[in-house]
Amino acid sequence: MCSPEGITVPRSTLSNHWRILREADITSTRTSGKTRLVSLRRAELEARFPHLLSAVPAEVTQSSTDS
């Protein structure tokens, strides 16, 4: 798994974080060939925690939707 741009942590640490987010149903992962595409489960998060995502700075939110 490749690191998102600007993240400089060891791959093992990043993989562990992705696993925790996936198991918590915060992200969903789909496979396209050899690539794994991780996306935020926005609708589910907004339903469970209203206004949580709007509290995240716009630049962080924008960079997560570009992926």
C-alpha atoms as a PDB file:
ATOM      1  CA  MET A   1       0.000   0.000   0.000  1.00  0.00           C
ATOM      2  CA  CYS A   2       1.373   3.403  -0.903  1.00  0.00           C
ATOM      3  CA  SER A   3       1.303   6.375   1.402  1.00  0.00           C
ATOM      4  CA  PRO A   4      -0.828   9.392   0.583  1.00  0.00           C
ATOM      5  CA  GLU A   5       1.174  12.443  -0.461  1.00  0.00           C
ATOM      6  CA  GLY A   6       2.808  14.239   2.454  1.00  0.00           C
ATOM      7  CA  ILE A   7       2.644  11.362   4.930  1.00  0.00           C
ATOM      8  CA  THR A   8       6.037  10.173   6.070  1.00  0.00           C
ATOM      9  CA  VAL A   9       5.340   7.331   8.504  1.00  0.00           C
ATOM     10  CA  PRO A  10       6.561   3.756   8.163  1.00  0.00           C
ATOM     11  CA  ARG A  11       4.378   1.525   5.964  1.00  0.00           C
ATOM     12  CA  SER A  12       3.691  -0.785   8.915  1.00  0.00           C
ATOM     13  CA  THR A  13       2.293   2.124  10.937  1.00  0.00           C
ATOM     14  CA  LEU A  14       0.184   3.321   8.035  1.00  0.00           C
ATOM     15  CA  SER A  15      -1.176  -0.177   7.390  1.00  0.00           C
ATOM     16  CA  ASN A  16      -2.135  -0.457  11.037  1.00  0.00           C
ATOM     17  CA  HIS A  17      -3.998   2.866  10.911  1.00  0.00           C
ATOM     18  CA  TRP A  18      -5.836   1.864   7.710  1.00  0.00           C
ATOM     19  CA  ARG A  19      -6.845  -1.434   9.392  1.00  0.00           C
ATOM     20  CA  ILE A  20      -8.180   0.356  12.483  1.00  0.00           C
ATOM     21  CA  LEU A  21     -10.208   2.788  10.356  1.00  0.00           C
ATOM     22  CA  ARG A  22     -11.563  -0.056   8.202  1.00  0.00           C
ATOM     23  CA  GLU A  23     -12.546  -2.188  11.221  1.00  0.00           C
ATOM     24  CA  ALA A  24     -14.277   0.832  12.776  1.00  0.00           C
ATOM     25  CA  ASP A  25     -16.348   1.231   9.563  1.00  0.00           C
ATOM     26  CA  ILE A  26     -14.919   4.716   9.033  1.00  0.00           C
ATOM     27  CA  THR A  27     -13.487   3.799   5.642  1.00  0.00           C
ATOM     28  CA  SER A  28     -14.330   1.362   2.909  1.00  0.00           C
ATOM     29  CA  THR A  29     -11.794  -0.340   0.688  1.00  0.00           C
ATOM     30  CA  ARG A  30     -12.297  -1.634  -2.819  1.00  0.00           C
ATOM     31  CA  THR A  31      -9.839  -3.403  -5.044  1.00  0.00           C
ATOM     32  CA  SER A  32      -9.096  -2.397  -8.622  1.00  0.00           C
ATOM     33  CA  GLY A  33      -6.492  -4.756 -10.037  1.00  0.00           C
ATOM     34  CA  LYS A  34      -3.545  -4.616  -7.650  1.00  0.00           C
ATOM     35  CA  THR A  35      -4.633  -1.255  -6.245  1.00  0.00           C
ATOM     36  CA  ARG A  36      -6.646  -0.780  -3.079  1.00  0.00           C
ATOM     37  CA  LEU A  37      -8.783   2.333  -3.029  1.00  0.00           C
ATOM     38  CA  VAL A  38      -9.716   3.633   0.408  1.00  0.00           C
ATOM     39  CA  SER A  39     -12.600   6.052   0.820  1.00  0.00           C
ATOM     40  CA  LEU A  40     -14.271   7.740   3.742  1.00  0.00           C
ATOM     41  CA  ARG A  41     -17.783   6.522   4.545  1.00  0.00           C
ATOM     42  CA  ARG A  42     -19.193  10.042   4.664  1.00  0.00           C
ATOM     43  CA  ALA A  43     -22.924   9.251   4.695  1.00  0.00           C
ATOM     44  CA  GLU A  44     -22.583   6.779   7.554  1.00  0.00           C
ATOM     45  CA  LEU A  45     -20.378   9.139   9.580  1.00  0.00           C
ATOM     46  CA  GLU A  46     -22.716  12.081   9.034  1.00  0.00           C
ATOM     47  CA  ALA A  47     -25.720   9.981  10.076  1.00  0.00           C
ATOM     48  CA  ARG A  48     -24.013   8.729  13.215  1.00  0.00           C
ATOM     49  CA  PHE A  49     -22.123  11.915  14.131  1.00  0.00           C
ATOM     50  CA  PRO A  50     -23.962  14.920  12.650  1.00  0.00           C
ATOM     51  CA  HIS A  51     -21.707  17.890  11.801  1.00  0.00           C
ATOM     52  CA  LEU A  52     -18.493  16.016  12.668  1.00  0.00           C
ATOM     53  CA  LEU A  53     -17.084  16.250   9.155  1.00  0.00           C
ATOM     54  CA  SER A  54     -17.997  19.921   8.821  1.00  0.00           C
ATOM     55  CA  ALA A  55     -15.698  20.567  11.786  1.00  0.00           C
ATOM     56  CA  VAL A  56     -12.711  19.273   9.810  1.00  0.00           C
ATOM     57  CA  PRO A  57     -10.793  22.066   8.068  1.00  0.00           C
ATOM     58  CA  ALA A  58     -11.760  22.464   4.409  1.00  0.00           C
ATOM     59  CA  GLU A  59      -8.277  21.715   3.061  1.00  0.00           C
ATOM     60  CA  VAL A  60      -8.177  18.344   4.822  1.00  0.00           C
ATOM     61  CA  THR A  61     -11.661  17.488   3.588  1.00  0.00           C
ATOM     62  CA  GLN A  62     -10.775  18.500   0.017  1.00  0.00           C
ATOM     63  CA  SER A  63      -7.592  16.422  -0.072  1.00  0.00           C
ATOM     64  CA  SER A  64      -9.470  13.337   1.132  1.00  0.00           C
ATOM     65  CA  THR A  65     -12.042  13.641  -1.676  1.00  0.00           C
ATOM     66  CA  ASP A  66      -9.337  13.965  -4.333  1.00  0.00           C
ATOM     67  CA  SER A  67      -8.165  10.397  -3.636  1.00  0.00           C
END
